Structure formats: structure tokens, C-alpha cells
N, C-alpha and C. Protein backbone atom coordinates (compact mmCIF):
# COMPACT_ATOMS: atom_id res chain seq x y z
N UNK A 1 131.02 169.71 -41.24
CA UNK A 1 129.50 169.91 -41.22
C UNK A 1 129.18 171.07 -40.07
N UNK A 2 128.37 171.46 -40.13
CA UNK A 2 128.23 172.80 -38.86
C UNK A 2 126.98 171.90 -38.10
N UNK A 3 127.13 172.23 -36.59
CA UNK A 3 126.40 171.82 -35.55
C UNK A 3 124.84 172.01 -35.75
N UNK A 4 123.61 171.35 -35.79
CA UNK A 4 122.52 171.88 -35.83
C UNK A 4 122.10 172.51 -34.39
N UNK A 5 121.65 173.56 -34.24
CA UNK A 5 120.89 174.36 -33.36
C UNK A 5 119.41 173.99 -33.16
N UNK A 6 118.95 173.42 -34.21
CA UNK A 6 117.62 172.49 -34.13
C UNK A 6 117.43 171.43 -35.14
N UNK A 7 116.45 171.01 -35.19
CA UNK A 7 116.15 169.90 -36.23
C UNK A 7 114.90 170.62 -37.52
N UNK A 8 115.05 171.68 -37.46
CA UNK A 8 113.78 172.36 -38.60
C UNK A 8 114.05 172.20 -39.92
N UNK A 9 115.37 172.01 -40.37
CA UNK A 9 115.56 171.91 -41.69
C UNK A 9 114.96 170.49 -42.37
N UNK A 10 115.91 170.08 -43.38
CA UNK A 10 115.66 169.23 -44.17
C UNK A 10 115.98 167.80 -43.68
N UNK A 11 115.12 167.01 -43.77
CA UNK A 11 114.95 165.18 -43.52
C UNK A 11 116.44 164.99 -43.74
N UNK A 12 117.65 164.68 -42.60
CA UNK A 12 118.69 164.01 -43.03
C UNK A 12 118.78 162.23 -42.87
N UNK A 13 118.59 161.56 -43.93
CA UNK A 13 118.82 160.00 -43.70
C UNK A 13 120.04 159.61 -43.04
N UNK A 14 120.97 160.29 -43.00
CA UNK A 14 122.12 160.17 -42.19
C UNK A 14 122.36 160.74 -40.84
N UNK A 15 121.30 161.33 -40.12
CA UNK A 15 121.53 161.91 -39.12
C UNK A 15 122.24 161.04 -37.94
N UNK A 16 122.98 161.77 -37.16
CA UNK A 16 123.73 161.72 -35.88
C UNK A 16 123.37 162.47 -34.73
N UNK A 17 123.41 162.07 -33.77
CA UNK A 17 123.47 162.93 -32.42
C UNK A 17 124.55 164.00 -32.33
N UNK A 18 125.75 163.18 -33.05
CA UNK A 18 127.22 164.07 -33.33
C UNK A 18 126.74 165.27 -34.14
N UNK A 19 125.81 165.36 -34.93
CA UNK A 19 125.28 166.43 -35.61
C UNK A 19 125.06 167.68 -34.97
N UNK A 20 124.56 167.36 -33.49
CA UNK A 20 123.81 168.26 -32.99
C UNK A 20 124.64 169.51 -31.98
N UNK A 21 124.56 170.64 -31.74
CA UNK A 21 125.08 171.39 -31.26
C UNK A 21 125.35 171.26 -29.67
N UNK A 22 126.00 171.54 -28.96
CA UNK A 22 126.36 170.88 -27.38
C UNK A 22 124.70 171.82 -26.75
N UNK A 23 124.54 172.91 -27.08
CA UNK A 23 123.28 173.55 -26.53
C UNK A 23 122.04 172.54 -26.92
N UNK A 24 121.84 172.25 -28.11
CA UNK A 24 120.75 171.87 -28.60
C UNK A 24 120.67 170.00 -27.85
N UNK A 25 121.80 169.71 -27.61
CA UNK A 25 121.82 168.39 -26.89
C UNK A 25 121.56 168.57 -25.62
N UNK A 26 121.99 169.56 -24.77
CA UNK A 26 121.59 170.12 -23.45
C UNK A 26 120.02 169.93 -23.28
N UNK A 27 119.32 170.70 -24.24
CA UNK A 27 118.02 170.81 -24.21
C UNK A 27 117.64 169.67 -24.58
N UNK A 28 117.80 168.83 -25.46
CA UNK A 28 117.32 167.56 -25.86
C UNK A 28 117.39 166.42 -24.28
N UNK A 29 118.66 166.48 -23.81
CA UNK A 29 118.90 165.49 -22.70
C UNK A 29 117.80 165.91 -21.44
N UNK A 30 117.63 167.30 -21.25
CA UNK A 30 116.94 167.65 -20.34
C UNK A 30 115.42 167.21 -20.68
N UNK A 31 115.03 167.38 -21.90
CA UNK A 31 113.57 166.74 -22.28
C UNK A 31 113.37 165.05 -21.99
N UNK A 32 114.63 164.82 -22.36
CA UNK A 32 114.64 163.01 -22.13
C UNK A 32 114.41 162.95 -20.38
N UNK A 33 114.77 163.76 -19.68
CA UNK A 33 114.97 163.43 -18.14
C UNK A 33 113.52 163.81 -17.82
N UNK A 34 112.77 164.62 -18.31
CA UNK A 34 111.40 165.19 -17.99
C UNK A 34 110.66 164.01 -18.64
N UNK A 35 110.76 164.05 -19.88
CA UNK A 35 110.09 162.14 -20.39
C UNK A 35 110.33 161.23 -19.34
N UNK A 36 111.15 160.72 -19.01
CA UNK A 36 111.75 159.61 -17.81
C UNK A 36 110.79 159.82 -16.47
N UNK A 37 110.82 161.18 -16.34
CA UNK A 37 110.15 161.02 -14.86
C UNK A 37 108.54 161.07 -15.26
N UNK A 38 108.05 161.47 -16.19
CA UNK A 38 106.59 161.84 -16.82
C UNK A 38 106.20 160.23 -16.73
N UNK A 39 106.79 159.30 -17.51
CA UNK A 39 106.51 158.34 -17.54
C UNK A 39 106.26 157.38 -16.58
N UNK A 40 107.27 157.91 -15.41
CA UNK A 40 107.02 157.01 -13.98
C UNK A 40 105.99 157.29 -13.39
N UNK A 41 105.55 158.66 -13.50
CA UNK A 41 104.16 159.42 -13.13
C UNK A 41 103.11 158.96 -13.37
N UNK A 42 103.33 158.63 -14.92
CA UNK A 42 101.62 158.26 -15.53
C UNK A 42 101.40 157.07 -15.35
N UNK A 43 102.46 156.02 -15.21
CA UNK A 43 102.10 154.71 -15.13
C UNK A 43 101.74 154.46 -13.40
N UNK A 44 102.53 155.18 -12.63
CA UNK A 44 102.11 155.13 -11.11
C UNK A 44 100.71 155.55 -11.05
N UNK A 45 100.16 156.57 -11.67
CA UNK A 45 98.75 157.27 -11.38
C UNK A 45 97.72 155.85 -12.22
N UNK A 46 98.08 155.22 -13.36
CA UNK A 46 97.38 154.41 -13.78
C UNK A 46 97.35 153.10 -12.85
N UNK A 47 98.24 152.97 -12.21
CA UNK A 47 98.41 152.01 -11.22
C UNK A 47 97.21 152.13 -10.16
N UNK A 48 97.36 153.48 -9.52
CA UNK A 48 96.73 153.98 -8.06
C UNK A 48 95.08 153.97 -8.65
N UNK A 49 95.00 154.64 -9.73
CA UNK A 49 93.64 154.56 -10.41
C UNK A 49 92.98 153.57 -10.73
N UNK A 50 93.62 152.38 -11.16
CA UNK A 50 93.18 151.34 -11.37
C UNK A 50 92.75 150.35 -10.48
N UNK A 51 94.11 150.02 -9.18
CA UNK A 51 94.13 149.51 -8.19
C UNK A 51 94.30 149.92 -6.90
N UNK A 52 95.38 150.53 -6.38
CA UNK A 52 95.33 151.28 -5.15
C UNK A 52 96.61 151.82 -5.30
N UNK A 53 96.74 152.96 -4.16
CA UNK A 53 98.02 153.74 -3.96
C UNK A 53 99.09 152.80 -3.58
N UNK A 54 98.63 151.86 -2.69
CA UNK A 54 99.61 150.87 -2.10
C UNK A 54 99.83 150.22 -3.13
N UNK A 55 99.40 149.46 -4.03
CA UNK A 55 99.99 148.42 -5.18
C UNK A 55 100.85 149.43 -5.91
N UNK A 56 100.42 150.92 -6.10
CA UNK A 56 101.30 151.41 -6.98
C UNK A 56 102.60 151.75 -6.52
N UNK A 57 102.94 151.96 -5.06
CA UNK A 57 103.92 152.48 -4.47
C UNK A 57 104.60 151.04 -4.31
N UNK A 58 104.19 149.81 -4.25
CA UNK A 58 104.61 148.68 -4.03
C UNK A 58 105.49 148.36 -5.46
N UNK A 59 104.82 148.68 -6.38
CA UNK A 59 105.52 148.29 -7.93
C UNK A 59 106.49 149.37 -8.32
N UNK A 60 106.08 150.64 -7.75
CA UNK A 60 107.16 151.70 -7.81
C UNK A 60 108.49 151.59 -7.31
N UNK A 61 108.54 151.11 -5.90
CA UNK A 61 109.67 150.30 -5.90
C UNK A 61 110.34 149.30 -6.28
N UNK A 62 109.60 148.44 -6.97
CA UNK A 62 110.23 147.32 -7.72
C UNK A 62 110.77 147.98 -8.83
N UNK A 63 109.96 149.07 -9.49
CA UNK A 63 110.54 149.54 -10.99
C UNK A 63 111.97 150.32 -10.76
N UNK A 64 111.88 151.23 -9.85
CA UNK A 64 113.02 151.82 -9.12
C UNK A 64 114.24 151.33 -8.86
N UNK A 65 113.90 150.15 -8.43
CA UNK A 65 115.35 149.03 -8.20
C UNK A 65 115.61 148.84 -9.02
N UNK A 66 115.13 148.29 -10.21
CA UNK A 66 115.35 148.04 -11.55
C UNK A 66 116.27 148.61 -12.27
N UNK A 67 115.59 150.10 -12.13
CA UNK A 67 116.36 151.13 -13.03
C UNK A 67 117.34 151.49 -12.34
N UNK A 68 117.56 151.73 -11.39
CA UNK A 68 118.87 151.91 -10.41
C UNK A 68 119.79 151.21 -10.99
N UNK A 69 120.07 149.77 -10.88
CA UNK A 69 120.74 148.62 -11.16
C UNK A 69 121.14 149.30 -12.73
N UNK A 70 119.98 149.11 -13.55
CA UNK A 70 120.34 149.38 -14.84
C UNK A 70 121.06 150.52 -15.31
N UNK A 71 120.58 151.62 -14.35
CA UNK A 71 121.65 152.79 -14.59
C UNK A 71 123.23 152.62 -14.55
N UNK A 72 123.32 152.17 -12.86
CA UNK A 72 124.80 152.02 -12.31
C UNK A 72 125.78 151.59 -13.13
N UNK A 73 125.08 150.37 -13.50
CA UNK A 73 125.86 149.92 -14.66
C UNK A 73 126.72 150.14 -15.71
N UNK A 74 125.41 150.63 -16.62
CA UNK A 74 125.90 151.29 -17.77
C UNK A 74 126.26 152.49 -17.71
N UNK A 75 125.96 153.80 -16.81
CA UNK A 75 126.49 155.08 -16.83
C UNK A 75 127.78 155.02 -16.00
N UNK A 76 127.96 154.13 -15.18
CA UNK A 76 129.34 154.35 -14.78
C UNK A 76 130.41 153.69 -15.82
N UNK A 77 130.14 152.76 -16.51
CA UNK A 77 130.97 151.93 -17.54
C UNK A 77 130.73 153.05 -18.74
N UNK A 78 130.24 153.84 -18.95
CA UNK A 78 130.42 154.60 -20.21
C UNK A 78 131.06 155.81 -19.79
N UNK A 79 130.70 156.15 -18.50
CA UNK A 79 131.51 157.64 -18.12
C UNK A 79 133.08 157.22 -17.39
N UNK A 80 133.08 156.11 -17.00
CA UNK A 80 134.41 155.77 -16.52
C UNK A 80 134.33 155.94 -15.22
N UNK A 81 133.40 155.94 -14.39
CA UNK A 81 133.09 156.41 -12.97
C UNK A 81 133.80 155.60 -12.29
N UNK A 82 134.58 155.34 -11.42
CA UNK A 82 135.24 154.25 -10.65
C UNK A 82 135.30 155.02 -9.55
N UNK A 83 136.02 154.38 -8.38
CA UNK A 83 136.03 154.65 -6.82
C UNK A 83 134.65 154.35 -5.92
N UNK A 84 135.30 154.29 -4.66
CA UNK A 84 134.08 153.84 -3.96
C UNK A 84 133.87 154.98 -2.66
N UNK A 85 134.29 156.19 -3.13
CA UNK A 85 133.86 157.48 -2.19
C UNK A 85 132.57 158.11 -2.73
N UNK A 86 132.11 159.09 -1.85
CA UNK A 86 130.95 159.73 -2.08
C UNK A 86 130.91 160.93 -3.37
N UNK A 87 132.56 161.32 -3.61
CA UNK A 87 132.78 161.92 -5.20
C UNK A 87 132.50 161.24 -6.28
N UNK A 88 132.52 159.54 -6.09
CA UNK A 88 132.16 158.96 -7.31
C UNK A 88 130.64 159.01 -7.50
N UNK A 89 129.70 159.07 -6.11
CA UNK A 89 128.25 158.93 -6.07
C UNK A 89 127.97 159.89 -6.78
N UNK A 90 128.70 161.55 -6.61
CA UNK A 90 128.24 162.53 -7.04
C UNK A 90 128.34 162.64 -8.58
N UNK A 91 129.47 162.34 -8.77
CA UNK A 91 129.78 162.32 -10.65
C UNK A 91 128.61 161.55 -10.75
N UNK A 92 128.43 160.64 -10.52
CA UNK A 92 127.06 159.65 -11.33
C UNK A 92 126.00 160.40 -11.06
N UNK A 93 125.49 160.97 -9.72
CA UNK A 93 124.42 161.69 -9.84
C UNK A 93 124.02 162.86 -10.88
N UNK A 94 125.13 163.24 -11.08
CA UNK A 94 125.28 164.53 -12.14
C UNK A 94 124.99 163.76 -13.61
N UNK A 95 124.84 163.02 -13.86
CA UNK A 95 124.45 162.08 -15.34
C UNK A 95 123.38 161.41 -15.21
N UNK A 96 122.71 161.20 -13.91
CA UNK A 96 121.29 160.66 -14.03
C UNK A 96 120.29 161.57 -14.60
N UNK A 97 119.68 160.77 -15.59
CA UNK A 97 118.11 161.75 -16.35
C UNK A 97 117.74 162.41 -15.41
N UNK A 98 116.99 162.04 -14.22
CA UNK A 98 115.60 162.54 -13.63
C UNK A 98 116.50 163.48 -12.36
N UNK A 99 117.87 163.41 -12.66
CA UNK A 99 118.50 164.85 -11.58
C UNK A 99 118.57 166.20 -12.38
N UNK A 100 118.66 165.58 -13.67
CA UNK A 100 118.58 166.95 -14.88
C UNK A 100 117.15 167.69 -14.81
N UNK A 101 115.99 167.21 -13.92
CA UNK A 101 114.95 167.92 -13.85
C UNK A 101 114.70 168.67 -12.55
N UNK A 102 115.85 168.29 -11.94
CA UNK A 102 115.78 169.28 -10.38
C UNK A 102 116.94 170.29 -10.50
N UNK A 103 116.78 170.90 -9.52
CA UNK A 103 117.81 172.06 -9.21
C UNK A 103 118.40 171.50 -7.94
N UNK A 104 119.36 171.36 -8.00
CA UNK A 104 120.20 170.83 -6.81
C UNK A 104 121.71 171.30 -6.70
N UNK A 105 122.27 171.21 -5.60
CA UNK A 105 123.71 171.17 -5.30
C UNK A 105 124.09 170.35 -4.22
N UNK A 106 125.36 170.03 -4.84
CA UNK A 106 126.13 168.76 -4.23
C UNK A 106 127.58 169.40 -3.68
N UNK A 107 127.49 169.19 -2.21
CA UNK A 107 128.83 169.81 -1.50
C UNK A 107 129.55 168.77 -1.02
N UNK A 108 130.83 168.16 -1.39
CA UNK A 108 131.67 167.26 -0.97
C UNK A 108 132.17 167.82 -0.12
N UNK A 109 131.75 167.97 1.49
CA UNK A 109 132.53 168.28 2.55
C UNK A 109 133.73 167.82 3.29
N UNK A 110 133.81 166.82 2.61
CA UNK A 110 135.32 166.07 2.86
C UNK A 110 135.38 164.59 2.43
N UNK A 111 136.14 163.47 2.17
CA UNK A 111 135.98 162.32 1.98
C UNK A 111 134.91 161.66 2.65
N UNK A 112 134.64 161.93 3.67
CA UNK A 112 133.57 161.16 4.68
C UNK A 112 132.35 161.68 4.57
N UNK A 113 132.08 162.97 4.08
CA UNK A 113 130.68 163.72 4.16
C UNK A 113 130.43 164.45 3.04
N UNK A 114 129.16 164.30 2.59
CA UNK A 114 128.90 164.93 1.13
C UNK A 114 127.29 165.28 1.54
N UNK A 115 126.79 166.62 1.10
CA UNK A 115 125.36 166.62 1.14
C UNK A 115 124.75 166.93 -0.22
N UNK A 116 123.62 166.47 -0.50
CA UNK A 116 122.82 166.97 -1.67
C UNK A 116 121.75 167.58 -1.31
N UNK A 117 121.48 168.63 -1.46
CA UNK A 117 120.38 169.87 -1.42
C UNK A 117 119.57 170.04 -2.62
N UNK A 118 118.31 169.64 -2.53
CA UNK A 118 117.45 169.82 -3.93
C UNK A 118 116.84 171.05 -3.29
N UNK A 119 116.65 172.33 -4.58
CA UNK A 119 116.00 173.34 -4.08
C UNK A 119 114.53 173.25 -5.18
N UNK A 120 114.51 172.87 -6.23
CA UNK A 120 113.57 172.64 -6.82
C UNK A 120 113.36 171.58 -7.38
N UNK A 121 112.09 170.77 -7.52
CA UNK A 121 111.76 169.51 -7.68
C UNK A 121 110.28 169.25 -8.48
N UNK A 122 110.43 169.18 -9.81
CA UNK A 122 109.02 169.14 -10.40
C UNK A 122 108.20 167.88 -9.83
N UNK A 123 108.86 166.70 -9.58
CA UNK A 123 108.12 165.69 -8.66
C UNK A 123 107.26 166.31 -7.58
N UNK A 124 107.81 166.63 -6.51
CA UNK A 124 107.38 167.33 -5.19
C UNK A 124 106.58 168.35 -5.71
N UNK A 125 106.96 169.36 -6.62
CA UNK A 125 105.61 170.22 -6.64
C UNK A 125 104.35 169.49 -7.48
N UNK A 126 104.40 168.62 -8.39
CA UNK A 126 103.19 168.04 -8.68
C UNK A 126 102.53 167.28 -7.78
N UNK A 127 103.39 166.50 -6.65
CA UNK A 127 102.61 166.13 -5.73
C UNK A 127 101.90 166.97 -4.91
N UNK A 128 102.43 167.76 -4.71
CA UNK A 128 101.73 168.97 -3.56
C UNK A 128 100.70 169.29 -4.26
N UNK A 129 100.80 169.79 -5.57
CA UNK A 129 99.53 170.32 -6.29
C UNK A 129 98.59 169.16 -6.20
N UNK A 130 98.70 167.91 -6.46
CA UNK A 130 97.87 167.10 -6.16
C UNK A 130 97.28 166.92 -5.00
N UNK A 131 97.89 167.43 -3.91
CA UNK A 131 97.18 167.62 -2.51
C UNK A 131 96.82 166.22 -1.62
N UNK A 132 97.25 165.21 -1.93
CA UNK A 132 96.88 163.85 -1.53
C UNK A 132 97.98 163.07 -0.03
N UNK A 133 99.04 164.04 -0.09
CA UNK A 133 100.01 164.00 1.00
C UNK A 133 100.98 162.80 0.27
N UNK A 134 101.02 162.39 -0.92
CA UNK A 134 101.96 161.43 -1.18
C UNK A 134 103.48 161.68 -1.17
N UNK A 135 103.71 162.80 -1.21
CA UNK A 135 104.83 163.32 -1.25
C UNK A 135 105.86 162.48 0.06
N UNK A 136 105.15 162.56 0.99
CA UNK A 136 105.79 161.61 2.10
C UNK A 136 106.29 160.38 1.68
N UNK A 137 105.51 159.68 1.59
CA UNK A 137 105.90 158.14 1.04
C UNK A 137 106.96 158.24 -0.14
N UNK A 138 106.79 159.25 -1.09
CA UNK A 138 107.55 158.90 -2.28
C UNK A 138 108.93 159.79 -2.13
N UNK A 139 108.95 160.34 -1.16
CA UNK A 139 110.36 161.37 -0.79
C UNK A 139 111.40 160.18 0.32
N UNK A 140 110.38 159.70 1.27
CA UNK A 140 111.05 159.04 2.06
C UNK A 140 111.07 157.85 2.05
N UNK A 141 110.31 157.15 0.90
CA UNK A 141 110.57 155.72 0.79
C UNK A 141 110.99 155.52 -0.46
N UNK A 142 110.92 156.06 -1.45
CA UNK A 142 111.13 155.40 -2.92
C UNK A 142 112.70 156.38 -3.00
N UNK A 143 112.45 157.68 -2.81
CA UNK A 143 114.01 158.48 -2.96
C UNK A 143 115.00 157.84 -2.27
N UNK A 144 114.39 157.66 -0.92
CA UNK A 144 115.76 157.22 0.25
C UNK A 144 116.04 155.92 -0.68
N UNK A 145 115.11 154.73 -1.28
CA UNK A 145 115.65 153.79 -1.80
C UNK A 145 116.60 153.85 -2.90
N UNK A 146 116.27 154.71 -3.77
CA UNK A 146 117.13 155.06 -4.84
C UNK A 146 118.67 155.25 -4.39
N UNK A 147 118.79 156.36 -3.33
CA UNK A 147 119.68 157.11 -3.39
C UNK A 147 120.64 156.12 -2.56
N UNK A 148 120.11 155.21 -1.68
CA UNK A 148 120.87 154.19 -0.92
C UNK A 148 121.06 152.99 -1.85
N UNK A 149 120.54 152.76 -3.08
CA UNK A 149 121.06 151.77 -3.61
C UNK A 149 122.29 152.30 -4.84
N UNK A 150 122.26 153.70 -4.99
CA UNK A 150 123.27 154.25 -5.94
C UNK A 150 124.63 154.15 -4.82
N UNK A 151 124.52 154.72 -3.44
CA UNK A 151 125.76 154.68 -2.82
C UNK A 151 125.92 153.34 -2.63
N UNK A 152 125.16 152.46 -2.32
CA UNK A 152 126.06 150.95 -2.08
C UNK A 152 126.48 150.32 -3.07
N UNK A 153 126.28 150.63 -4.34
CA UNK A 153 126.96 150.55 -5.16
C UNK A 153 128.53 150.82 -5.67
N UNK A 154 128.50 151.94 -4.68
CA UNK A 154 130.05 152.37 -4.94
C UNK A 154 130.84 151.71 -3.69
N UNK A 155 130.04 151.82 -2.67
CA UNK A 155 130.54 151.36 -1.11
C UNK A 155 129.38 150.83 -0.24
N UNK A 156 129.24 149.58 -0.05
CA UNK A 156 128.28 149.06 0.78
C UNK A 156 128.13 150.15 2.41
N UNK A 157 129.46 150.33 2.93
CA UNK A 157 129.63 151.04 3.96
C UNK A 157 128.92 152.22 3.86
N UNK A 158 128.67 152.88 2.91
CA UNK A 158 128.23 154.42 2.57
C UNK A 158 126.58 154.37 3.07
N UNK A 159 126.65 155.34 3.74
CA UNK A 159 125.20 155.64 4.54
C UNK A 159 124.27 156.92 3.90
N UNK A 160 123.11 157.01 3.55
CA UNK A 160 122.68 158.17 3.18
C UNK A 160 121.31 158.48 4.15
N UNK A 161 121.54 159.74 4.72
CA UNK A 161 120.12 159.88 5.48
C UNK A 161 119.56 161.33 5.17
N UNK A 162 118.22 161.05 5.47
CA UNK A 162 117.79 162.69 4.74
C UNK A 162 117.84 163.72 6.06
N UNK A 163 118.36 165.08 5.72
CA UNK A 163 118.59 165.98 6.78
C UNK A 163 116.97 166.72 6.84
N UNK A 164 116.53 166.67 5.71
CA UNK A 164 114.79 167.34 5.53
C UNK A 164 114.09 166.90 4.13
N UNK A 165 112.87 166.51 4.67
CA UNK A 165 112.02 165.62 3.49
C UNK A 165 110.50 166.51 3.95
N UNK A 166 110.02 166.63 2.76
CA UNK A 166 108.71 167.20 2.70
C UNK A 166 107.81 166.27 3.57
N UNK A 167 106.68 166.54 4.36
CA UNK A 167 106.00 167.62 3.77
C UNK A 167 106.73 169.30 4.05
N UNK A 168 106.54 170.04 3.34
CA UNK A 168 107.32 171.28 3.82
C UNK A 168 106.29 172.46 3.94
N UNK A 169 106.56 173.47 4.64
CA UNK A 169 105.58 174.38 4.98
C UNK A 169 105.47 175.36 3.98
N UNK A 170 106.89 175.83 3.70
CA UNK A 170 106.71 176.59 2.41
C UNK A 170 107.03 176.15 1.27
N UNK A 171 106.19 176.79 0.12
CA UNK A 171 106.31 175.86 -1.22
C UNK A 171 107.60 176.11 -1.87
N UNK A 172 108.35 177.14 -1.47
CA UNK A 172 109.55 177.64 -2.36
C UNK A 172 110.87 177.07 -1.32
N UNK A 173 112.07 177.22 -2.25
CA UNK A 173 113.34 177.09 -1.09
C UNK A 173 113.57 175.48 -1.24
N UNK A 174 113.90 175.17 -0.10
CA UNK A 174 114.51 173.99 0.10
C UNK A 174 113.29 172.78 0.04
N UNK A 175 113.80 171.59 -0.88
CA UNK A 175 112.96 170.75 -1.20
C UNK A 175 112.96 169.44 -0.37
N UNK A 176 114.14 169.17 -0.38
CA UNK A 176 114.82 167.97 0.43
C UNK A 176 116.45 168.25 0.63
N UNK A 177 116.93 167.28 1.29
CA UNK A 177 118.38 167.50 1.84
C UNK A 177 118.78 165.93 2.23
N UNK A 178 119.88 165.76 1.86
CA UNK A 178 120.31 164.51 1.97
C UNK A 178 121.87 164.48 2.51
N UNK A 179 122.39 163.81 3.51
CA UNK A 179 123.82 163.55 3.81
C UNK A 179 124.41 162.26 3.38
N UNK A 180 125.24 162.30 2.71
CA UNK A 180 126.10 160.81 2.38
C UNK A 180 127.44 160.86 3.38
N UNK A 181 127.78 159.49 4.09
CA UNK A 181 128.48 159.62 4.93
C UNK A 181 129.27 158.11 4.95
N UNK A 182 130.64 158.34 4.93
CA UNK A 182 131.39 156.90 5.08
C UNK A 182 131.82 157.15 6.39
N UNK A 183 132.47 155.70 7.04
CA UNK A 183 133.03 155.97 8.54
C UNK A 183 134.27 156.36 8.38
């Protein structure tokens, strides 16, 4: 059977994702990543509008703590990612749905140091358009917590520190940069 480039033809009662071409699967995964981020933003805005930004941030931290632990167990098992080094964290990051909606570079400078540089982030761009300054908390509190949870799963001694965080003066180029280190 040929691989589908889209699903515009007849209904297939025996449809499987394995029927799809790699290109279509890639596009579908990208859309799933965008949907993943969108639902996070929609519920955050709902709590913010109905209660307060403080409540939304508190629940956001709770929700991201739960989803990171959910992702870590399942993605590492599915992908067979093992190890306690920065390389294992970087391999995991390449599979995370929300990373698929950013443009980033992962550089493993040595087994003890790696950099993640984000150059395009739809979440940051939306927060900047909103103009309320929430990017400071989202990036420095929520993102930092998520990245540190990911790192600690692989190695509790791993440190994750921001080298650059918003707010940013120029709205193009560097969004954020994180350093991953091991003693």
C-alpha cells in the first residue's frame, strides 16, 4: 500500500498512522505540538480571566510538573533513551511536542556542558504581543522548572541555568538560552 501524502481521499475504516508518509507524519506531529501549546495557553487565559494571573501561574506550575513527569516516563521508554548525561536530556528534548513548535539549537560542548538556544518561540511571541509582561514569569519560572525537572530525571546533579531570558529588546533573534552542566 502506498503511503498517504494527506487524507483527502476516501474514508479508510482500517486507517493506521503507518499508512501516512513521513512528510505527512512530520506535519501532523508539528500540528499536535502546536495544539499541545494552544490548550496550555487557553486554559491559562481562562484561569487568568476568571480568577487571577497569580492563580493561573500557580496552576500552570502544577500542570507542567504533572505533564513533565508523564512525558519523561513514557517518551524515554518508547524511544529507549537511557543514560545520565546531558546528551540523554537533549535526545529527550528533541522528542517533546512543545519543542517541535520552536526553533532551537542544542550544542553538546562536552559531556559536562551543553547549550540550548531558542531563536523562535511562538509562546514568547504571543506573550510579547499581549504586552502584559507575563513572559518574564513564564520563561523564568515555568520554563526553568520544566527544564530542571527534565534534567533531574536523568541526573539529579545536573544543573540548568538561564544565560538569557526575556524580556528582550529586539523582537527577533535570540529568545532564550539555557546552560546544562554536570559537575
